[in-house]
């Protein structure tokens, strides 16, 4: 039995599976993940490095 996951959940999972290395200091956060927030026509994914505090943000904008 499959469980439905939205395209946004699948994209977050892709980030969690592949992009957990900090681009600033190189720390690999195997226990972390991307945080997802939405506001109207924007979906924002953020990864905060627990080592140096750098924040990487990726944003998807939805067309009206």
N, C-alpha and C. Protein backbone atom coordinates (compact mmCIF):
# COMPACT_ATOMS: atom_id res chain seq x y z
N UNK A 1 0.85 -1.17 0.00
CA UNK A 1 0.00 0.00 0.00
C UNK A 1 0.90 1.24 0.00
N UNK A 2 0.69 2.14 -0.95
CA UNK A 2 1.51 3.34 -1.01
C UNK A 2 0.82 4.49 -0.29
N UNK A 3 1.63 5.38 0.23
CA UNK A 3 1.13 6.55 0.94
C UNK A 3 1.34 7.76 0.04
N UNK A 4 0.30 8.57 -0.13
CA UNK A 4 0.42 9.75 -0.99
C UNK A 4 1.34 10.78 -0.35
N UNK A 5 2.26 11.30 -1.14
CA UNK A 5 3.14 12.40 -0.72
C UNK A 5 3.06 13.47 -1.79
N UNK A 6 2.86 14.69 -1.37
CA UNK A 6 2.75 15.79 -2.32
C UNK A 6 4.08 16.01 -3.03
N UNK A 7 4.07 16.70 -4.15
CA UNK A 7 5.33 17.02 -4.84
C UNK A 7 6.30 17.79 -3.94
N UNK A 8 5.79 18.64 -3.05
CA UNK A 8 6.65 19.40 -2.16
C UNK A 8 7.29 18.51 -1.10
N UNK A 9 6.56 17.52 -0.61
CA UNK A 9 7.14 16.57 0.33
C UNK A 9 8.21 15.72 -0.35
N UNK A 10 7.98 15.35 -1.60
CA UNK A 10 8.97 14.57 -2.33
C UNK A 10 10.23 15.38 -2.59
N UNK A 11 10.09 16.68 -2.88
CA UNK A 11 11.25 17.54 -3.09
C UNK A 11 12.04 17.70 -1.79
N UNK A 12 11.34 17.88 -0.66
CA UNK A 12 12.03 17.97 0.63
C UNK A 12 12.80 16.68 0.91
N UNK A 13 12.19 15.54 0.61
CA UNK A 13 12.86 14.25 0.81
C UNK A 13 14.11 14.15 -0.05
N UNK A 14 14.03 14.67 -1.28
CA UNK A 14 15.20 14.67 -2.16
C UNK A 14 16.33 15.50 -1.55
N UNK A 15 16.00 16.67 -1.01
CA UNK A 15 17.01 17.49 -0.34
C UNK A 15 17.58 16.76 0.87
N UNK A 16 16.70 16.14 1.66
CA UNK A 16 17.16 15.40 2.85
C UNK A 16 18.09 14.25 2.48
N UNK A 17 17.83 13.61 1.36
CA UNK A 17 18.64 12.47 0.95
C UNK A 17 19.98 12.87 0.34
N UNK A 18 20.06 14.06 -0.24
CA UNK A 18 21.26 14.40 -1.00
C UNK A 18 22.00 15.65 -0.53
N UNK A 19 21.33 16.59 0.10
CA UNK A 19 21.94 17.89 0.36
C UNK A 19 22.02 18.23 1.85
N UNK A 20 22.74 17.41 2.61
CA UNK A 20 22.89 17.67 4.03
C UNK A 20 24.30 18.12 4.40
N UNK A 21 25.06 18.53 3.39
CA UNK A 21 26.41 19.02 3.64
C UNK A 21 26.40 20.54 3.54
N UNK A 22 26.94 21.19 4.57
CA UNK A 22 26.99 22.64 4.61
C UNK A 22 27.95 23.16 3.54
N UNK A 23 27.49 24.11 2.76
CA UNK A 23 28.34 24.68 1.71
C UNK A 23 29.36 25.65 2.27
N UNK A 24 29.13 26.13 3.49
CA UNK A 24 30.06 27.08 4.10
C UNK A 24 31.25 26.41 4.78
N UNK A 25 30.97 25.37 5.58
CA UNK A 25 32.05 24.76 6.36
C UNK A 25 32.31 23.30 6.02
N UNK A 26 31.42 22.67 5.22
CA UNK A 26 31.62 21.29 4.82
C UNK A 26 31.08 20.25 5.80
N UNK A 27 30.48 20.69 6.90
CA UNK A 27 29.94 19.76 7.89
C UNK A 27 28.83 18.93 7.27
N UNK A 28 28.84 17.62 7.48
CA UNK A 28 27.82 16.72 6.97
C UNK A 28 26.88 16.38 8.12
N UNK A 29 25.64 16.87 8.03
CA UNK A 29 24.64 16.69 9.09
C UNK A 29 23.73 15.51 8.75
N UNK A 30 24.15 14.32 9.13
CA UNK A 30 23.39 13.11 8.80
C UNK A 30 22.09 12.99 9.57
N UNK A 31 21.93 13.74 10.64
CA UNK A 31 20.72 13.65 11.45
C UNK A 31 19.77 14.81 11.20
N UNK A 32 20.19 15.76 10.39
CA UNK A 32 19.38 16.95 10.15
C UNK A 32 18.45 16.79 8.98
N UNK A 33 17.88 17.90 8.59
CA UNK A 33 16.97 17.90 7.45
C UNK A 33 16.60 19.30 7.07
N UNK A 34 15.87 19.42 6.01
CA UNK A 34 15.42 20.69 5.50
C UNK A 34 14.08 21.04 6.12
N UNK A 35 13.92 22.29 6.49
CA UNK A 35 12.66 22.79 7.04
C UNK A 35 11.87 23.42 5.89
N UNK A 36 10.57 23.20 5.87
CA UNK A 36 9.73 23.72 4.79
C UNK A 36 8.71 24.69 5.36
N UNK A 37 8.61 25.86 4.72
CA UNK A 37 7.57 26.83 5.09
C UNK A 37 6.89 27.29 3.80
N UNK A 38 5.64 27.69 3.93
CA UNK A 38 4.90 28.18 2.77
C UNK A 38 4.26 29.51 3.11
N UNK A 39 4.12 30.34 2.09
CA UNK A 39 3.41 31.60 2.25
C UNK A 39 2.81 31.98 0.90
N UNK A 40 1.56 31.69 0.74
CA UNK A 40 0.90 32.02 -0.52
C UNK A 40 1.46 31.24 -1.69
N UNK A 41 2.13 31.94 -2.59
CA UNK A 41 2.63 31.31 -3.81
C UNK A 41 4.09 30.89 -3.71
N UNK A 42 4.65 30.86 -2.50
CA UNK A 42 6.06 30.48 -2.32
C UNK A 42 6.19 29.31 -1.35
N UNK A 43 7.08 28.40 -1.71
CA UNK A 43 7.44 27.29 -0.81
C UNK A 43 8.93 27.43 -0.58
N UNK A 44 9.33 27.58 0.67
CA UNK A 44 10.73 27.83 1.00
C UNK A 44 11.29 26.65 1.78
N UNK A 45 12.46 26.17 1.33
CA UNK A 45 13.18 25.08 1.98
C UNK A 45 14.44 25.68 2.60
N UNK A 46 14.69 25.40 3.89
CA UNK A 46 15.87 25.93 4.56
C UNK A 46 16.62 24.83 5.29
N UNK A 47 17.94 24.91 5.18
CA UNK A 47 18.83 24.00 5.90
C UNK A 47 19.74 24.86 6.76
N UNK A 48 19.72 24.64 8.07
CA UNK A 48 20.58 25.38 9.00
C UNK A 48 21.67 24.45 9.49
N UNK A 49 22.93 24.86 9.29
CA UNK A 49 24.06 24.04 9.71
C UNK A 49 24.22 24.11 11.23
N UNK A 50 24.22 22.97 11.91
CA UNK A 50 24.39 22.98 13.35
C UNK A 50 25.82 23.30 13.78
N UNK A 51 26.77 23.23 12.86
CA UNK A 51 28.16 23.48 13.19
C UNK A 51 28.51 24.97 13.13
N UNK A 52 28.20 25.62 12.00
CA UNK A 52 28.61 27.02 11.83
C UNK A 52 27.44 28.00 11.83
N UNK A 53 26.21 27.49 11.76
CA UNK A 53 25.04 28.35 11.79
C UNK A 53 24.62 28.91 10.44
N UNK A 54 25.33 28.57 9.38
CA UNK A 54 24.96 29.06 8.05
C UNK A 54 23.59 28.50 7.66
N UNK A 55 22.83 29.30 6.94
CA UNK A 55 21.50 28.89 6.49
C UNK A 55 21.47 28.92 4.97
N UNK A 56 21.08 27.80 4.38
CA UNK A 56 20.91 27.72 2.94
C UNK A 56 19.42 27.70 2.65
N UNK A 57 18.99 28.52 1.71
CA UNK A 57 17.57 28.64 1.39
C UNK A 57 17.36 28.35 -0.09
N UNK A 58 16.34 27.58 -0.35
CA UNK A 58 15.88 27.34 -1.72
C UNK A 58 14.39 27.63 -1.76
N UNK A 59 13.96 28.23 -2.84
CA UNK A 59 12.57 28.67 -2.91
C UNK A 59 11.93 28.24 -4.22
N UNK A 60 10.69 27.79 -4.13
CA UNK A 60 9.89 27.45 -5.29
C UNK A 60 8.74 28.44 -5.33
N UNK A 61 8.56 29.09 -6.46
CA UNK A 61 7.46 30.02 -6.63
C UNK A 61 6.42 29.40 -7.55
N UNK A 62 5.19 29.49 -7.13
CA UNK A 62 4.08 28.92 -7.90
C UNK A 62 3.45 30.00 -8.77
N UNK A 63 3.25 29.71 -10.02
CA UNK A 63 2.63 30.66 -10.93
C UNK A 63 1.13 30.72 -10.67
N UNK A 64 0.54 31.90 -10.79
CA UNK A 64 -0.92 32.02 -10.57
C UNK A 64 -1.71 31.36 -11.68
